[in-house]
Amino acid sequence: MTNEIKSTEQTTEVDLDVLPSIPVENYDLTQRQLLAAQLIVVNDSLPRKGKGKRRSYSEIAADVGVSRETLYEYRVLPEFNRYIKDAAQVIANDYVLQALANMKALADGTFSGTPSIGANLFFLNHAGMGNTKQQHEITVNQGGVGSQVSDEDIARIIAKAEQTADTTE
């Protein structure tokens, strides 16, 4: 999708294919405000340094055909910020879905040919089925009256239970 704004000084053309598809009719923004918001969303998703680094508000304002001060005025509009927040949320959701797809490919071995134990444990843990810790509860009851057990007694009982569990595996 390409968005074009004509001003008296210049024509600005910006590739907005990286933006999520959000129904813009749900936002009470002018075409310039919408373009500014979209450019800010794209800019915020870029790394701060290196290739494709972020641009300044002055550069974004020039692309939109407004002054930097006007861009700052847009930034305080609730509707403008609502669009930016909604677009950023859609982008974040896309990243989460992609991360889960990559983790699934690791788990089933699509990437390397060998299923990843770590990736499978990740899915099991998040499904509530991967708890690797065992809990032991010990109650000592003699003749209907609870008795005191020392820490050494508890440690000995746990060691014996773990030893029993190791021999049954």
Foldseek 3Di string as FASTA:
>chain_A
DWQWDDDPPDIAIDDLPVFDDDPCVVFPDDSLLVQLLSLVLVLVVADCDDPPHHDDLQVSCVNSVHGSVVSVVSVPDPRSVVVNVVRNVVVVVVVVVVVLVVLVCLQVVVVPVDHDPVSVLVVCVVVVNNDPDDDDDDFDADPNDGDDDDPVRVVVVVVVVVVVVVVVD
